[in-house]
Amino acid sequence: MKKNDKTTQDSPTKLLDDLRALVSEAEKLIHKASSKASIHGDHESLRDRFDRTQLRIEELYTDTKTRVASVAKSADASVRANPYQSLAIAAGIGLLVGAVTGRGNSK
């Protein structure tokens, strides 16, 4: 999948919609009192949708894993290139968080 691909950006919403539809079809299948042939056809349709949804989840997982690794490498390179600035920023954030949390406990 491409990073700027529209389907990648809409995937979580689309995936949730697909999962809701899958659950809805499963409920219909359970409550449906039909012949075995009809149930078998519904089962195959449900299995196909489940397989497609599972593939999409795997694609999203792989894409997310790649993005997280890329961001982590970028952050690591930035810290290694500017260690003193990184240390100063981390100390400043720690000081800020300490000041904010310390104020709440001073009452």
N, C-alpha and C. Protein backbone atom coordinates (compact mmCIF):
# COMPACT_ATOMS: atom_id res chain seq x y z
N MET A 1 0.83 -1.19 0.00
CA MET A 1 0.00 0.00 0.00
C MET A 1 0.87 1.24 0.00
N LYS A 2 0.43 2.27 -0.67
CA LYS A 2 1.15 3.53 -0.70
C LYS A 2 0.76 4.36 0.51
N LYS A 3 1.71 5.21 0.98
CA LYS A 3 1.42 6.04 2.15
C LYS A 3 0.29 7.02 1.90
N ASN A 4 0.24 7.61 0.72
CA ASN A 4 -0.75 8.64 0.44
C ASN A 4 -1.97 8.07 -0.27
N ASP A 5 -2.10 6.77 -0.31
CA ASP A 5 -3.23 6.12 -0.95
C ASP A 5 -4.49 6.40 -0.13
N LYS A 6 -5.55 6.82 -0.78
CA LYS A 6 -6.81 7.16 -0.11
C LYS A 6 -7.36 5.96 0.65
N THR A 7 -7.21 4.75 0.11
CA THR A 7 -7.74 3.58 0.79
C THR A 7 -7.00 3.32 2.10
N THR A 8 -5.73 3.68 2.17
CA THR A 8 -4.97 3.50 3.40
C THR A 8 -5.51 4.43 4.48
N GLN A 9 -5.84 5.65 4.11
CA GLN A 9 -6.33 6.62 5.08
C GLN A 9 -7.73 6.26 5.57
N ASP A 10 -8.55 5.70 4.72
CA ASP A 10 -9.92 5.35 5.08
C ASP A 10 -10.02 3.94 5.65
N SER A 11 -8.96 3.21 5.69
CA SER A 11 -9.00 1.80 6.05
C SER A 11 -9.57 1.52 7.44
N PRO A 12 -9.18 2.23 8.50
CA PRO A 12 -9.76 1.89 9.81
C PRO A 12 -11.28 2.04 9.84
N THR A 13 -11.80 3.10 9.27
CA THR A 13 -13.25 3.30 9.24
C THR A 13 -13.92 2.24 8.38
N LYS A 14 -13.35 1.99 7.22
CA LYS A 14 -13.90 0.98 6.31
C LYS A 14 -13.83 -0.40 6.97
N LEU A 15 -12.74 -0.67 7.64
CA LEU A 15 -12.58 -1.95 8.31
C LEU A 15 -13.64 -2.15 9.38
N LEU A 16 -13.90 -1.11 10.17
CA LEU A 16 -14.95 -1.22 11.20
C LEU A 16 -16.32 -1.44 10.57
N ASP A 17 -16.58 -0.75 9.47
CA ASP A 17 -17.85 -0.95 8.78
C ASP A 17 -17.97 -2.39 8.27
N ASP A 18 -16.88 -2.91 7.71
CA ASP A 18 -16.88 -4.28 7.22
C ASP A 18 -17.09 -5.27 8.35
N LEU A 19 -16.45 -5.02 9.49
CA LEU A 19 -16.62 -5.92 10.63
C LEU A 19 -18.06 -5.87 11.16
N ARG A 20 -18.65 -4.69 11.19
CA ARG A 20 -20.04 -4.58 11.63
C ARG A 20 -20.97 -5.34 10.68
N ALA A 21 -20.71 -5.20 9.38
CA ALA A 21 -21.52 -5.91 8.40
C ALA A 21 -21.33 -7.42 8.55
N LEU A 22 -20.11 -7.83 8.81
CA LEU A 22 -19.81 -9.25 9.00
C LEU A 22 -20.57 -9.81 10.21
N VAL A 23 -20.57 -9.07 11.31
CA VAL A 23 -21.30 -9.50 12.51
C VAL A 23 -22.79 -9.54 12.23
N SER A 24 -23.29 -8.55 11.52
CA SER A 24 -24.71 -8.50 11.18
C SER A 24 -25.10 -9.71 10.34
N GLU A 25 -24.28 -10.05 9.36
CA GLU A 25 -24.58 -11.22 8.53
C GLU A 25 -24.51 -12.50 9.34
N ALA A 26 -23.58 -12.57 10.27
CA ALA A 26 -23.47 -13.76 11.11
C ALA A 26 -24.73 -13.91 11.97
N GLU A 27 -25.23 -12.80 12.50
CA GLU A 27 -26.45 -12.86 13.29
C GLU A 27 -27.64 -13.29 12.44
N LYS A 28 -27.72 -12.78 11.22
CA LYS A 28 -28.80 -13.19 10.32
C LYS A 28 -28.70 -14.68 10.01
N LEU A 29 -27.49 -15.15 9.82
CA LEU A 29 -27.28 -16.56 9.51
C LEU A 29 -27.72 -17.44 10.67
N ILE A 30 -27.43 -17.00 11.88
CA ILE A 30 -27.80 -17.77 13.06
C ILE A 30 -29.33 -17.82 13.20
N HIS A 31 -29.98 -16.71 12.96
CA HIS A 31 -31.42 -16.63 13.17
C HIS A 31 -32.23 -17.11 11.97
N LYS A 32 -31.57 -17.35 10.90
CA LYS A 32 -32.28 -17.72 9.68
C LYS A 32 -32.68 -19.19 9.72
N ALA A 33 -33.93 -19.46 9.44
CA ALA A 33 -34.42 -20.84 9.42
C ALA A 33 -34.70 -21.22 7.97
N SER A 34 -33.62 -21.63 7.27
CA SER A 34 -33.75 -21.96 5.85
C SER A 34 -33.26 -23.37 5.60
N SER A 35 -33.23 -23.70 4.35
CA SER A 35 -32.72 -25.01 3.95
C SER A 35 -31.20 -25.06 4.10
N LYS A 36 -30.65 -26.27 4.13
CA LYS A 36 -29.20 -26.44 4.28
C LYS A 36 -28.44 -25.82 3.12
N ALA A 37 -28.99 -25.86 1.92
CA ALA A 37 -28.30 -25.30 0.75
C ALA A 37 -28.15 -23.79 0.90
N SER A 38 -29.20 -23.15 1.37
CA SER A 38 -29.15 -21.70 1.56
C SER A 38 -28.16 -21.34 2.66
N ILE A 39 -28.16 -22.11 3.74
CA ILE A 39 -27.23 -21.85 4.83
C ILE A 39 -25.80 -22.06 4.36
N HIS A 40 -25.57 -23.09 3.55
CA HIS A 40 -24.23 -23.34 3.03
C HIS A 40 -23.76 -22.17 2.16
N GLY A 41 -24.64 -21.64 1.32
CA GLY A 41 -24.30 -20.49 0.49
C GLY A 41 -24.00 -19.26 1.33
N ASP A 42 -24.81 -19.04 2.37
CA ASP A 42 -24.57 -17.93 3.27
C ASP A 42 -23.26 -18.12 4.01
N HIS A 43 -22.97 -19.34 4.40
CA HIS A 43 -21.72 -19.64 5.12
C HIS A 43 -20.53 -19.34 4.23
N GLU A 44 -20.59 -19.70 2.96
CA GLU A 44 -19.48 -19.44 2.04
C GLU A 44 -19.30 -17.94 1.84
N SER A 45 -20.40 -17.21 1.71
CA SER A 45 -20.32 -15.75 1.56
C SER A 45 -19.71 -15.12 2.80
N LEU A 46 -20.14 -15.59 3.95
CA LEU A 46 -19.62 -15.08 5.22
C LEU A 46 -18.14 -15.40 5.35
N ARG A 47 -17.74 -16.60 4.96
CA ARG A 47 -16.33 -17.01 5.03
C ARG A 47 -15.48 -16.13 4.11
N ASP A 48 -16.00 -15.84 2.90
CA ASP A 48 -15.25 -14.97 1.97
C ASP A 48 -15.05 -13.58 2.55
N ARG A 49 -16.09 -13.03 3.15
CA ARG A 49 -15.97 -11.70 3.76
C ARG A 49 -15.01 -11.73 4.93
N PHE A 50 -15.05 -12.78 5.72
CA PHE A 50 -14.14 -12.91 6.84
C PHE A 50 -12.70 -12.96 6.34
N ASP A 51 -12.45 -13.75 5.30
CA ASP A 51 -11.10 -13.85 4.74
C ASP A 51 -10.61 -12.52 4.21
N ARG A 52 -11.47 -11.78 3.52
CA ARG A 52 -11.08 -10.46 3.00
C ARG A 52 -10.77 -9.50 4.15
N THR A 53 -11.60 -9.53 5.18
CA THR A 53 -11.38 -8.66 6.34
C THR A 53 -10.08 -9.02 7.04
N GLN A 54 -9.81 -10.29 7.16
CA GLN A 54 -8.57 -10.73 7.80
C GLN A 54 -7.36 -10.25 7.00
N LEU A 55 -7.42 -10.32 5.68
CA LEU A 55 -6.33 -9.81 4.84
C LEU A 55 -6.14 -8.32 5.04
N ARG A 56 -7.22 -7.58 5.14
CA ARG A 56 -7.13 -6.13 5.34
C ARG A 56 -6.51 -5.81 6.69
N ILE A 57 -6.86 -6.57 7.71
CA ILE A 57 -6.26 -6.36 9.03
C ILE A 57 -4.76 -6.62 8.97
N GLU A 58 -4.37 -7.68 8.28
CA GLU A 58 -2.94 -7.98 8.14
C GLU A 58 -2.21 -6.86 7.39
N GLU A 59 -2.83 -6.33 6.35
CA GLU A 59 -2.23 -5.23 5.60
C GLU A 59 -2.08 -3.99 6.49
N LEU A 60 -3.13 -3.67 7.24
CA LEU A 60 -3.06 -2.52 8.14
C LEU A 60 -1.98 -2.71 9.20
N TYR A 61 -1.88 -3.91 9.74
CA TYR A 61 -0.86 -4.20 10.75
C TYR A 61 0.54 -4.01 10.16
N THR A 62 0.76 -4.55 8.97
CA THR A 62 2.07 -4.44 8.33
C THR A 62 2.40 -2.99 8.03
N ASP A 63 1.42 -2.25 7.52
CA ASP A 63 1.64 -0.83 7.20
C ASP A 63 1.95 -0.04 8.47
N THR A 64 1.20 -0.28 9.53
CA THR A 64 1.41 0.43 10.80
C THR A 64 2.77 0.08 11.38
N LYS A 65 3.13 -1.18 11.33
CA LYS A 65 4.43 -1.62 11.85
C LYS A 65 5.56 -0.93 11.09
N THR A 66 5.43 -0.82 9.78
CA THR A 66 6.44 -0.14 8.97
C THR A 66 6.55 1.33 9.33
N ARG A 67 5.41 1.97 9.50
CA ARG A 67 5.41 3.40 9.85
C ARG A 67 6.02 3.65 11.22
N VAL A 68 5.68 2.82 12.19
CA VAL A 68 6.24 2.98 13.54
C VAL A 68 7.75 2.79 13.51
N ALA A 69 8.21 1.79 12.78
CA ALA A 69 9.65 1.54 12.69
C ALA A 69 10.35 2.73 12.04
N SER A 70 9.74 3.30 11.02
CA SER A 70 10.32 4.46 10.34
C SER A 70 10.43 5.66 11.28
N VAL A 71 9.38 5.92 12.04
CA VAL A 71 9.39 7.04 12.98
C VAL A 71 10.43 6.80 14.07
N ALA A 72 10.54 5.56 14.55
CA ALA A 72 11.52 5.25 15.59
C ALA A 72 12.94 5.44 15.07
N LYS A 73 13.20 5.02 13.83
CA LYS A 73 14.53 5.20 13.24
C LYS A 73 14.85 6.69 13.08
N SER A 74 13.85 7.44 12.66
CA SER A 74 14.03 8.88 12.49
C SER A 74 14.34 9.56 13.83
N ALA A 75 13.60 9.18 14.86
CA ALA A 75 13.84 9.76 16.19
C ALA A 75 15.22 9.36 16.70
N ASP A 76 15.61 8.12 16.48
CA ASP A 76 16.92 7.65 16.92
C ASP A 76 18.03 8.43 16.21
N ALA A 77 17.88 8.62 14.91
CA ALA A 77 18.89 9.36 14.15
C ALA A 77 18.98 10.81 14.63
N SER A 78 17.84 11.40 14.93
CA SER A 78 17.82 12.79 15.40
C SER A 78 18.50 12.91 16.76
N VAL A 79 18.23 11.97 17.66
CA VAL A 79 18.86 12.00 18.98
C VAL A 79 20.36 11.79 18.86
N ARG A 80 20.77 10.87 18.01
CA ARG A 80 22.20 10.60 17.84
C ARG A 80 22.93 11.78 17.19
N ALA A 81 22.24 12.50 16.31
CA ALA A 81 22.85 13.65 15.64
C ALA A 81 22.95 14.86 16.58
N ASN A 82 22.03 14.98 17.51
CA ASN A 82 21.99 16.12 18.42
C ASN A 82 21.80 15.65 19.87
N PRO A 83 22.80 14.98 20.45
CA PRO A 83 22.59 14.39 21.78
C PRO A 83 22.38 15.43 22.88
N TYR A 84 23.09 16.54 22.83
CA TYR A 84 22.96 17.55 23.89
C TYR A 84 21.63 18.27 23.81
N GLN A 85 21.20 18.56 22.60
CA GLN A 85 19.89 19.20 22.44
C GLN A 85 18.78 18.25 22.89
N SER A 86 18.92 16.99 22.55
CA SER A 86 17.93 15.99 22.95
C SER A 86 17.87 15.87 24.47
N LEU A 87 19.03 15.88 25.10
CA LEU A 87 19.09 15.80 26.56
C LEU A 87 18.44 17.03 27.19
N ALA A 88 18.72 18.21 26.63
CA ALA A 88 18.13 19.44 27.15
C ALA A 88 16.61 19.44 26.99
N ILE A 89 16.13 18.96 25.85
CA ILE A 89 14.68 18.90 25.62
C ILE A 89 14.04 17.93 26.60
N ALA A 90 14.66 16.74 26.79
CA ALA A 90 14.11 15.76 27.72
C ALA A 90 14.10 16.30 29.15
N ALA A 91 15.17 17.00 29.55
CA ALA A 91 15.22 17.58 30.89
C ALA A 91 14.15 18.66 31.05
N GLY A 92 13.96 19.47 30.01
CA GLY A 92 12.93 20.52 30.06
C GLY A 92 11.54 19.93 30.18
N ILE A 93 11.28 18.88 29.44
CA ILE A 93 9.96 18.24 29.52
C ILE A 93 9.77 17.62 30.90
N GLY A 94 10.82 16.98 31.41
CA GLY A 94 10.74 16.41 32.76
C GLY A 94 10.49 17.46 33.81
N LEU A 95 11.15 18.60 33.70
CA LEU A 95 10.96 19.70 34.63
C LEU A 95 9.53 20.23 34.56
N LEU A 96 9.03 20.39 33.34
CA LEU A 96 7.67 20.87 33.13
C LEU A 96 6.64 19.91 33.71
N VAL A 97 6.80 18.61 33.43
CA VAL A 97 5.88 17.62 33.97
C VAL A 97 5.95 17.58 35.49
N GLY A 98 7.17 17.68 36.04
CA GLY A 98 7.33 17.70 37.49
C GLY A 98 6.67 18.91 38.11
N ALA A 99 6.80 20.06 37.47
CA ALA A 99 6.18 21.28 38.00
C ALA A 99 4.65 21.18 37.96
N VAL A 100 4.12 20.64 36.89
CA VAL A 100 2.66 20.52 36.77
C VAL A 100 2.12 19.52 37.77
N THR A 101 2.76 18.37 37.89
CA THR A 101 2.26 17.36 38.84
C THR A 101 2.54 17.76 40.28
N GLY A 102 3.60 18.50 40.50
CA GLY A 102 3.91 18.96 41.86
C GLY A 102 2.94 19.99 42.36
N ARG A 103 2.42 20.82 41.47
CA ARG A 103 1.45 21.84 41.87
C ARG A 103 0.16 21.22 42.37
N GLY A 104 -0.25 20.14 41.76
CA GLY A 104 -1.51 19.49 42.17
C GLY A 104 -1.41 18.89 43.55
N ASN A 105 -0.22 18.54 44.00
CA ASN A 105 -0.04 17.90 45.31
C ASN A 105 0.28 18.89 46.42
N SER A 106 0.43 20.18 46.12
CA SER A 106 0.84 21.17 47.13
C SER A 106 -0.30 21.63 48.01
N LYS A 107 -1.51 21.23 47.81
CA LYS A 107 -2.66 21.67 48.60
C LYS A 107 -2.71 21.01 49.92
